[in-house]
Amino acid sequence: MVIYYIIALAVVAIDQWTKWLVVKYMRLGESIPIIPNVLYITSHRNRGAAWGILQGQFWLFYLITVIVVIGLIVYIQRLPRGERLFGVALGLMLGGAIGNFIDRLFRKEVVDFIHAYIGTYSFPVFNIADSALTIGVALLFIKMFFFATSEKENQ
C-alpha cells in the first residue's frame, strides 16, 4: 500500500520540479521544439480546468480536489492485496490531483508546458500532473473493463 503513496509523491515531485523549470527558465508563450511539428515545450498558464473550462473558479477546484483526494486515499487504504493495477491507477491519480492543486493554491493558475500536435491538430497544452491523471484513469478503465470481467468468470 505504501508504494501507491510513493507513486503519488513521485508524480508530485516530478510535476512541481518540471513546472518550476518552466517558470524559472522560460517566458510565458515561449516554445521550444523537441520533435518539430509533433512535440514542444511551451510555457502556458491555465486558470481553469482541462482545455481552460471554468476559468477562475478556484473555490470549485479547491472543493472538488479535496473531495477527490480524500476519496482516493480512502480507496487506497481499503484496497485489497493483489490489486496492483488499481493501486497504481489510484496513486497516479492522487499525485496528479495534488500536483495541480499545489499550483492552484500557491500560483492561482496551473503551469502547463507539454504541447503536442496530432497531425494538424494542436492538442491543448498540459503538464505531468495532467498526464498522471489521464494515465491513472486509463488504467482504471482497463482494470474495470478487461480484468473485472475475467475475475468474475473465475468466481
N, C-alpha and C. Protein backbone atom coordinates (compact mmCIF):
# COMPACT_ATOMS: atom_id res chain seq x y z
N MET A 1 0.82 -1.19 0.00
CA MET A 1 0.00 0.00 0.00
C MET A 1 0.87 1.26 0.00
N VAL A 2 1.98 1.22 0.68
CA VAL A 2 2.87 2.38 0.76
C VAL A 2 3.38 2.75 -0.63
N ILE A 3 3.57 1.76 -1.49
CA ILE A 3 4.09 2.02 -2.84
C ILE A 3 3.18 2.97 -3.62
N TYR A 4 1.88 2.91 -3.38
CA TYR A 4 0.94 3.77 -4.11
C TYR A 4 1.10 5.23 -3.68
N TYR A 5 1.44 5.44 -2.41
CA TYR A 5 1.71 6.80 -1.93
C TYR A 5 3.06 7.28 -2.45
N ILE A 6 4.01 6.36 -2.61
CA ILE A 6 5.32 6.71 -3.19
C ILE A 6 5.14 7.13 -4.64
N ILE A 7 4.28 6.42 -5.37
CA ILE A 7 3.97 6.79 -6.76
C ILE A 7 3.38 8.19 -6.78
N ALA A 8 2.43 8.47 -5.90
CA ALA A 8 1.81 9.79 -5.84
C ALA A 8 2.84 10.86 -5.52
N LEU A 9 3.71 10.59 -4.57
CA LEU A 9 4.75 11.54 -4.19
C LEU A 9 5.72 11.79 -5.34
N ALA A 10 6.08 10.74 -6.07
CA ALA A 10 6.97 10.88 -7.22
C ALA A 10 6.31 11.75 -8.30
N VAL A 11 5.04 11.54 -8.54
CA VAL A 11 4.31 12.35 -9.53
C VAL A 11 4.33 13.82 -9.11
N VAL A 12 4.02 14.09 -7.84
CA VAL A 12 4.01 15.47 -7.35
C VAL A 12 5.41 16.08 -7.49
N ALA A 13 6.44 15.36 -7.11
CA ALA A 13 7.81 15.88 -7.16
C ALA A 13 8.22 16.20 -8.60
N ILE A 14 8.00 15.27 -9.52
CA ILE A 14 8.37 15.49 -10.92
C ILE A 14 7.54 16.61 -11.52
N ASP A 15 6.26 16.62 -11.21
CA ASP A 15 5.35 17.66 -11.71
C ASP A 15 5.80 19.04 -11.25
N GLN A 16 6.03 19.20 -9.97
CA GLN A 16 6.41 20.50 -9.43
C GLN A 16 7.80 20.93 -9.91
N TRP A 17 8.72 19.99 -10.03
CA TRP A 17 10.06 20.30 -10.50
C TRP A 17 10.03 20.79 -11.95
N THR A 18 9.29 20.08 -12.81
CA THR A 18 9.22 20.49 -14.22
C THR A 18 8.51 21.83 -14.37
N LYS A 19 7.48 22.07 -13.59
CA LYS A 19 6.79 23.36 -13.64
C LYS A 19 7.71 24.48 -13.16
N TRP A 20 8.50 24.21 -12.13
CA TRP A 20 9.45 25.20 -11.62
C TRP A 20 10.45 25.56 -12.72
N LEU A 21 10.95 24.54 -13.43
CA LEU A 21 11.90 24.79 -14.52
C LEU A 21 11.29 25.68 -15.60
N VAL A 22 10.05 25.39 -15.96
CA VAL A 22 9.38 26.18 -17.00
C VAL A 22 9.20 27.62 -16.54
N VAL A 23 8.73 27.82 -15.31
CA VAL A 23 8.52 29.17 -14.79
C VAL A 23 9.84 29.93 -14.68
N LYS A 24 10.88 29.26 -14.22
CA LYS A 24 12.17 29.91 -13.99
C LYS A 24 12.91 30.25 -15.29
N TYR A 25 12.87 29.35 -16.27
CA TYR A 25 13.73 29.49 -17.43
C TYR A 25 13.03 29.85 -18.74
N MET A 26 11.70 29.93 -18.73
CA MET A 26 11.00 30.25 -19.98
C MET A 26 10.08 31.45 -19.80
N ARG A 27 9.96 32.23 -20.85
CA ARG A 27 8.98 33.32 -20.85
C ARG A 27 7.61 32.73 -21.19
N LEU A 28 6.58 33.32 -20.66
CA LEU A 28 5.22 32.89 -20.97
C LEU A 28 5.01 32.96 -22.48
N GLY A 29 4.55 31.88 -23.06
CA GLY A 29 4.32 31.81 -24.50
C GLY A 29 5.51 31.29 -25.29
N GLU A 30 6.68 31.23 -24.67
CA GLU A 30 7.87 30.71 -25.36
C GLU A 30 7.68 29.22 -25.64
N SER A 31 8.18 28.79 -26.79
CA SER A 31 8.02 27.39 -27.20
C SER A 31 9.35 26.84 -27.71
N ILE A 32 9.72 25.67 -27.23
CA ILE A 32 10.97 25.01 -27.63
C ILE A 32 10.60 23.71 -28.34
N PRO A 33 10.99 23.56 -29.61
CA PRO A 33 10.66 22.32 -30.32
C PRO A 33 11.50 21.14 -29.79
N ILE A 34 10.85 20.05 -29.51
CA ILE A 34 11.51 18.81 -29.13
C ILE A 34 11.53 17.89 -30.35
N ILE A 35 10.37 17.67 -30.93
CA ILE A 35 10.21 16.99 -32.22
C ILE A 35 9.37 17.93 -33.07
N PRO A 36 10.00 18.65 -34.02
CA PRO A 36 9.25 19.64 -34.80
C PRO A 36 7.95 19.07 -35.39
N ASN A 37 6.89 19.88 -35.29
CA ASN A 37 5.55 19.55 -35.78
C ASN A 37 4.87 18.43 -34.99
N VAL A 38 5.50 17.99 -33.88
CA VAL A 38 4.91 16.92 -33.06
C VAL A 38 4.88 17.29 -31.59
N LEU A 39 6.04 17.66 -31.02
CA LEU A 39 6.13 17.88 -29.58
C LEU A 39 6.97 19.11 -29.26
N TYR A 40 6.42 19.97 -28.40
CA TYR A 40 7.09 21.21 -28.00
C TYR A 40 6.97 21.37 -26.49
N ILE A 41 7.92 22.07 -25.90
CA ILE A 41 7.79 22.56 -24.52
C ILE A 41 7.35 24.01 -24.67
N THR A 42 6.14 24.31 -24.25
CA THR A 42 5.56 25.65 -24.41
C THR A 42 5.10 26.15 -23.05
N SER A 43 5.59 27.30 -22.64
CA SER A 43 5.22 27.90 -21.36
C SER A 43 3.82 28.49 -21.46
N HIS A 44 2.90 27.90 -20.72
CA HIS A 44 1.48 28.27 -20.78
C HIS A 44 0.91 28.26 -19.37
N ARG A 45 -0.10 29.06 -19.12
CA ARG A 45 -0.79 29.07 -17.82
C ARG A 45 -2.27 28.86 -18.05
N ASN A 46 -2.90 28.21 -17.08
CA ASN A 46 -4.32 27.89 -17.17
C ASN A 46 -4.98 28.21 -15.83
N ARG A 47 -5.98 29.04 -15.84
CA ARG A 47 -6.73 29.38 -14.62
C ARG A 47 -8.02 28.57 -14.51
N GLY A 48 -8.18 27.60 -15.39
CA GLY A 48 -9.38 26.78 -15.38
C GLY A 48 -9.04 25.31 -15.26
N ALA A 49 -9.95 24.49 -15.77
CA ALA A 49 -9.74 23.04 -15.76
C ALA A 49 -9.24 22.63 -17.15
N ALA A 50 -9.42 21.39 -17.51
CA ALA A 50 -8.97 20.89 -18.81
C ALA A 50 -9.52 21.77 -19.93
N TRP A 51 -8.66 22.06 -20.89
CA TRP A 51 -8.99 22.89 -22.04
C TRP A 51 -9.46 24.29 -21.63
N GLY A 52 -9.11 24.72 -20.41
CA GLY A 52 -9.40 26.07 -19.98
C GLY A 52 -10.84 26.32 -19.55
N ILE A 53 -11.63 25.26 -19.38
CA ILE A 53 -13.02 25.47 -18.96
C ILE A 53 -13.07 25.92 -17.50
N LEU A 54 -14.13 26.60 -17.14
CA LEU A 54 -14.37 27.10 -15.77
C LEU A 54 -13.24 28.00 -15.29
N GLN A 55 -12.80 28.92 -16.13
CA GLN A 55 -11.72 29.85 -15.78
C GLN A 55 -12.02 30.58 -14.47
N GLY A 56 -11.04 30.59 -13.57
CA GLY A 56 -11.11 31.38 -12.35
C GLY A 56 -12.03 30.84 -11.26
N GLN A 57 -12.58 29.67 -11.41
CA GLN A 57 -13.50 29.10 -10.41
C GLN A 57 -12.72 28.33 -9.34
N PHE A 58 -11.81 29.04 -8.65
CA PHE A 58 -10.90 28.38 -7.72
C PHE A 58 -11.61 27.68 -6.58
N TRP A 59 -12.63 28.29 -6.01
CA TRP A 59 -13.34 27.66 -4.89
C TRP A 59 -13.88 26.30 -5.31
N LEU A 60 -14.35 26.19 -6.56
CA LEU A 60 -14.88 24.91 -7.06
C LEU A 60 -13.76 23.89 -7.20
N PHE A 61 -12.61 24.31 -7.73
CA PHE A 61 -11.48 23.40 -7.88
C PHE A 61 -10.94 22.95 -6.52
N TYR A 62 -10.88 23.87 -5.57
CA TYR A 62 -10.42 23.51 -4.22
C TYR A 62 -11.34 22.45 -3.62
N LEU A 63 -12.63 22.69 -3.68
CA LEU A 63 -13.62 21.78 -3.11
C LEU A 63 -13.55 20.40 -3.78
N ILE A 64 -13.58 20.40 -5.09
CA ILE A 64 -13.56 19.13 -5.83
C ILE A 64 -12.27 18.37 -5.55
N THR A 65 -11.14 19.07 -5.56
CA THR A 65 -9.86 18.40 -5.34
C THR A 65 -9.77 17.80 -3.95
N VAL A 66 -10.20 18.52 -2.94
CA VAL A 66 -10.17 17.98 -1.57
C VAL A 66 -11.04 16.72 -1.48
N ILE A 67 -12.21 16.75 -2.08
CA ILE A 67 -13.10 15.58 -2.06
C ILE A 67 -12.45 14.41 -2.81
N VAL A 68 -11.87 14.68 -3.98
CA VAL A 68 -11.23 13.63 -4.78
C VAL A 68 -10.03 13.04 -4.03
N VAL A 69 -9.19 13.90 -3.44
CA VAL A 69 -8.01 13.42 -2.72
C VAL A 69 -8.43 12.54 -1.54
N ILE A 70 -9.42 12.97 -0.79
CA ILE A 70 -9.91 12.15 0.34
C ILE A 70 -10.44 10.82 -0.18
N GLY A 71 -11.22 10.86 -1.26
CA GLY A 71 -11.75 9.62 -1.84
C GLY A 71 -10.66 8.68 -2.30
N LEU A 72 -9.63 9.21 -2.95
CA LEU A 72 -8.53 8.37 -3.42
C LEU A 72 -7.78 7.75 -2.25
N ILE A 73 -7.55 8.52 -1.21
CA ILE A 73 -6.86 7.98 -0.02
C ILE A 73 -7.69 6.88 0.63
N VAL A 74 -8.99 7.09 0.73
CA VAL A 74 -9.87 6.06 1.30
C VAL A 74 -9.80 4.79 0.46
N TYR A 75 -9.87 4.93 -0.86
CA TYR A 75 -9.78 3.76 -1.74
C TYR A 75 -8.44 3.04 -1.58
N ILE A 76 -7.35 3.81 -1.52
CA ILE A 76 -6.03 3.19 -1.35
C ILE A 76 -5.97 2.44 -0.02
N GLN A 77 -6.49 3.03 1.03
CA GLN A 77 -6.46 2.39 2.36
C GLN A 77 -7.27 1.09 2.38
N ARG A 78 -8.34 1.04 1.61
CA ARG A 78 -9.22 -0.14 1.61
C ARG A 78 -8.89 -1.15 0.52
N LEU A 79 -7.86 -0.87 -0.24
CA LEU A 79 -7.50 -1.69 -1.38
C LEU A 79 -7.05 -3.08 -0.94
N PRO A 80 -7.70 -4.13 -1.46
CA PRO A 80 -7.25 -5.49 -1.12
C PRO A 80 -5.88 -5.78 -1.71
N ARG A 81 -5.12 -6.63 -1.04
CA ARG A 81 -3.81 -7.03 -1.56
C ARG A 81 -4.00 -7.67 -2.93
N GLY A 82 -3.02 -7.48 -3.77
CA GLY A 82 -3.09 -8.08 -5.10
C GLY A 82 -3.76 -7.20 -6.14
N GLU A 83 -4.27 -6.06 -5.75
CA GLU A 83 -4.92 -5.14 -6.68
C GLU A 83 -3.91 -4.09 -7.16
N ARG A 84 -2.81 -4.55 -7.70
CA ARG A 84 -1.71 -3.65 -8.06
C ARG A 84 -2.08 -2.63 -9.13
N LEU A 85 -2.74 -3.09 -10.19
CA LEU A 85 -3.11 -2.18 -11.27
C LEU A 85 -4.03 -1.07 -10.75
N PHE A 86 -4.99 -1.45 -9.93
CA PHE A 86 -5.91 -0.48 -9.34
C PHE A 86 -5.13 0.47 -8.43
N GLY A 87 -4.20 -0.04 -7.66
CA GLY A 87 -3.40 0.78 -6.75
C GLY A 87 -2.52 1.77 -7.49
N VAL A 88 -1.88 1.31 -8.58
CA VAL A 88 -1.05 2.20 -9.39
C VAL A 88 -1.92 3.30 -9.99
N ALA A 89 -3.08 2.94 -10.49
CA ALA A 89 -4.00 3.94 -11.06
C ALA A 89 -4.37 4.98 -10.00
N LEU A 90 -4.71 4.53 -8.80
CA LEU A 90 -5.09 5.45 -7.73
C LEU A 90 -3.91 6.34 -7.32
N GLY A 91 -2.69 5.76 -7.26
CA GLY A 91 -1.51 6.54 -6.92
C GLY A 91 -1.22 7.62 -7.95
N LEU A 92 -1.34 7.28 -9.23
CA LEU A 92 -1.15 8.27 -10.30
C LEU A 92 -2.19 9.38 -10.21
N MET A 93 -3.43 8.99 -9.99
CA MET A 93 -4.50 9.99 -9.90
C MET A 93 -4.31 10.89 -8.68
N LEU A 94 -3.90 10.31 -7.57
CA LEU A 94 -3.66 11.09 -6.35
C LEU A 94 -2.53 12.10 -6.58
N GLY A 95 -1.42 11.66 -7.16
CA GLY A 95 -0.31 12.55 -7.44
C GLY A 95 -0.69 13.66 -8.41
N GLY A 96 -1.44 13.32 -9.43
CA GLY A 96 -1.87 14.32 -10.41
C GLY A 96 -2.80 15.36 -9.80
N ALA A 97 -3.73 14.90 -8.99
CA ALA A 97 -4.67 15.83 -8.34
C ALA A 97 -3.93 16.78 -7.40
N ILE A 98 -3.00 16.24 -6.63
CA ILE A 98 -2.24 17.08 -5.69
C ILE A 98 -1.32 18.04 -6.44
N GLY A 99 -0.69 17.58 -7.52
CA GLY A 99 0.21 18.43 -8.29
C GLY A 99 -0.47 19.69 -8.81
N ASN A 100 -1.63 19.52 -9.43
CA ASN A 100 -2.35 20.70 -9.94
C ASN A 100 -2.96 21.52 -8.80
N PHE A 101 -3.32 20.87 -7.71
CA PHE A 101 -3.86 21.58 -6.55
C PHE A 101 -2.82 22.54 -5.97
N ILE A 102 -1.58 22.09 -5.90
CA ILE A 102 -0.50 22.94 -5.39
C ILE A 102 -0.38 24.20 -6.24
N ASP A 103 -0.45 24.03 -7.57
CA ASP A 103 -0.40 25.20 -8.46
C ASP A 103 -1.55 26.16 -8.18
N ARG A 104 -2.75 25.62 -8.12
CA ARG A 104 -3.92 26.49 -7.92
C ARG A 104 -3.84 27.21 -6.57
N LEU A 105 -3.35 26.51 -5.57
CA LEU A 105 -3.28 27.08 -4.23
C LEU A 105 -2.22 28.17 -4.14
N PHE A 106 -1.03 27.93 -4.68
CA PHE A 106 0.07 28.87 -4.50
C PHE A 106 0.29 29.82 -5.68
N ARG A 107 -0.06 29.40 -6.88
CA ARG A 107 0.16 30.27 -8.04
C ARG A 107 -1.13 30.91 -8.55
N LYS A 108 -2.27 30.38 -8.13
CA LYS A 108 -3.59 30.81 -8.62
C LYS A 108 -3.75 30.52 -10.11
N GLU A 109 -2.96 29.61 -10.63
CA GLU A 109 -3.04 29.15 -12.01
C GLU A 109 -2.22 27.86 -12.11
N VAL A 110 -2.50 27.07 -13.14
CA VAL A 110 -1.77 25.83 -13.36
C VAL A 110 -0.76 26.07 -14.47
N VAL A 111 0.48 25.65 -14.23
CA VAL A 111 1.55 25.77 -15.23
C VAL A 111 1.46 24.55 -16.15
N ASP A 112 1.25 24.81 -17.43
CA ASP A 112 1.22 23.76 -18.45
C ASP A 112 2.39 23.99 -19.39
N PHE A 113 2.92 22.91 -19.98
CA PHE A 113 4.08 23.08 -20.84
C PHE A 113 4.27 22.01 -21.90
N ILE A 114 3.55 20.92 -21.87
CA ILE A 114 3.70 19.87 -22.88
C ILE A 114 2.70 20.17 -23.99
N HIS A 115 3.21 20.44 -25.17
CA HIS A 115 2.36 20.83 -26.30
C HIS A 115 2.57 19.84 -27.43
N ALA A 116 1.55 19.07 -27.72
CA ALA A 116 1.64 18.03 -28.75
C ALA A 116 0.72 18.33 -29.92
N TYR A 117 1.17 17.93 -31.07
CA TYR A 117 0.36 18.01 -32.28
C TYR A 117 0.04 16.60 -32.74
N ILE A 118 -1.21 16.37 -33.04
CA ILE A 118 -1.63 15.10 -33.61
C ILE A 118 -2.06 15.42 -35.04
N GLY A 119 -1.15 15.19 -35.97
CA GLY A 119 -1.38 15.65 -37.35
C GLY A 119 -1.34 17.17 -37.35
N THR A 120 -2.44 17.77 -37.80
CA THR A 120 -2.52 19.23 -37.81
C THR A 120 -3.24 19.76 -36.57
N TYR A 121 -3.73 18.86 -35.73
CA TYR A 121 -4.47 19.28 -34.53
C TYR A 121 -3.50 19.65 -33.40
N SER A 122 -3.63 20.86 -32.89
CA SER A 122 -2.82 21.31 -31.76
C SER A 122 -3.54 20.92 -30.48
N PHE A 123 -3.04 19.86 -29.83
CA PHE A 123 -3.65 19.38 -28.59
C PHE A 123 -3.44 20.44 -27.50
N PRO A 124 -4.44 20.67 -26.63
CA PRO A 124 -4.25 21.66 -25.56
C PRO A 124 -3.00 21.35 -24.72
N VAL A 125 -2.30 22.41 -24.33
CA VAL A 125 -1.06 22.27 -23.57
C VAL A 125 -1.39 21.68 -22.20
N PHE A 126 -0.57 20.74 -21.73
CA PHE A 126 -0.82 20.05 -20.47
C PHE A 126 0.47 19.90 -19.69
N ASN A 127 0.43 19.17 -18.56
CA ASN A 127 1.61 19.02 -17.70
C ASN A 127 1.71 17.59 -17.19
N ILE A 128 2.68 17.33 -16.34
CA ILE A 128 2.92 15.99 -15.79
C ILE A 128 1.73 15.53 -14.94
N ALA A 129 1.17 16.43 -14.13
CA ALA A 129 0.02 16.06 -13.30
C ALA A 129 -1.16 15.63 -14.17
N ASP A 130 -1.42 16.38 -15.24
CA ASP A 130 -2.49 16.01 -16.16
C ASP A 130 -2.23 14.64 -16.78
N SER A 131 -0.97 14.39 -17.14
CA SER A 131 -0.60 13.11 -17.73
C SER A 131 -0.83 11.97 -16.74
N ALA A 132 -0.42 12.17 -15.48
CA ALA A 132 -0.62 11.14 -14.45
C ALA A 132 -2.10 10.87 -14.23
N LEU A 133 -2.91 11.93 -14.19
CA LEU A 133 -4.36 11.75 -14.04
C LEU A 133 -4.93 10.95 -15.20
N THR A 134 -4.54 11.30 -16.41
CA THR A 134 -5.05 10.63 -17.60
C THR A 134 -4.63 9.16 -17.63
N ILE A 135 -3.37 8.89 -17.35
CA ILE A 135 -2.89 7.51 -17.34
C ILE A 135 -3.57 6.73 -16.21
N GLY A 136 -3.74 7.35 -15.05
CA GLY A 136 -4.44 6.70 -13.94
C GLY A 136 -5.86 6.33 -14.29
N VAL A 137 -6.58 7.25 -14.91
CA VAL A 137 -7.97 6.97 -15.33
C VAL A 137 -7.99 5.87 -16.39
N ALA A 138 -7.05 5.91 -17.34
CA ALA A 138 -6.98 4.87 -18.37
C ALA A 138 -6.73 3.50 -17.75
N LEU A 139 -5.80 3.43 -16.78
CA LEU A 139 -5.54 2.16 -16.09
C LEU A 139 -6.77 1.68 -15.32
N LEU A 140 -7.49 2.62 -14.74
CA LEU A 140 -8.72 2.29 -14.02
C LEU A 140 -9.74 1.66 -14.97
N PHE A 141 -9.91 2.25 -16.16
CA PHE A 141 -10.83 1.69 -17.15
C PHE A 141 -10.35 0.32 -17.62
N ILE A 142 -9.06 0.17 -17.85
CA ILE A 142 -8.52 -1.13 -18.24
C ILE A 142 -8.83 -2.17 -17.17
N LYS A 143 -8.60 -1.81 -15.93
CA LYS A 143 -8.89 -2.72 -14.80
C LYS A 143 -10.37 -3.09 -14.77
N MET A 144 -11.22 -2.08 -14.90
CA MET A 144 -12.67 -2.32 -14.78
C MET A 144 -13.21 -3.13 -15.95
N PHE A 145 -12.77 -2.82 -17.17
CA PHE A 145 -13.38 -3.45 -18.34
C PHE A 145 -12.73 -4.75 -18.78
N PHE A 146 -11.43 -4.89 -18.54
CA PHE A 146 -10.75 -6.09 -19.01
C PHE A 146 -10.50 -7.11 -17.91
N PHE A 147 -10.06 -6.63 -16.75
CA PHE A 147 -9.72 -7.54 -15.68
C PHE A 147 -10.90 -7.88 -14.79
N ALA A 148 -11.85 -6.99 -14.65
CA ALA A 148 -13.03 -7.29 -13.82
C ALA A 148 -13.83 -8.40 -14.44
N THR A 149 -13.92 -8.44 -15.78
CA THR A 149 -14.66 -9.49 -16.47
C THR A 149 -14.00 -10.85 -16.22
N SER A 150 -12.68 -10.94 -16.34
CA SER A 150 -12.01 -12.22 -16.14
C SER A 150 -12.08 -12.65 -14.68
N GLU A 151 -12.08 -11.70 -13.74
CA GLU A 151 -12.20 -12.05 -12.32
C GLU A 151 -13.58 -12.62 -12.03
N LYS A 152 -14.63 -12.06 -12.64
CA LYS A 152 -15.99 -12.57 -12.43
C LYS A 152 -16.13 -13.97 -13.02
N GLU A 153 -15.49 -14.20 -14.17
CA GLU A 153 -15.54 -15.51 -14.81
C GLU A 153 -14.85 -16.56 -13.96
N ASN A 154 -13.80 -16.19 -13.21
CA ASN A 154 -13.06 -17.12 -12.38
C ASN A 154 -13.80 -17.49 -11.10
N GLN A 155 -14.81 -16.72 -10.72
CA GLN A 155 -15.52 -16.99 -9.45
C GLN A 155 -16.56 -18.05 -9.60
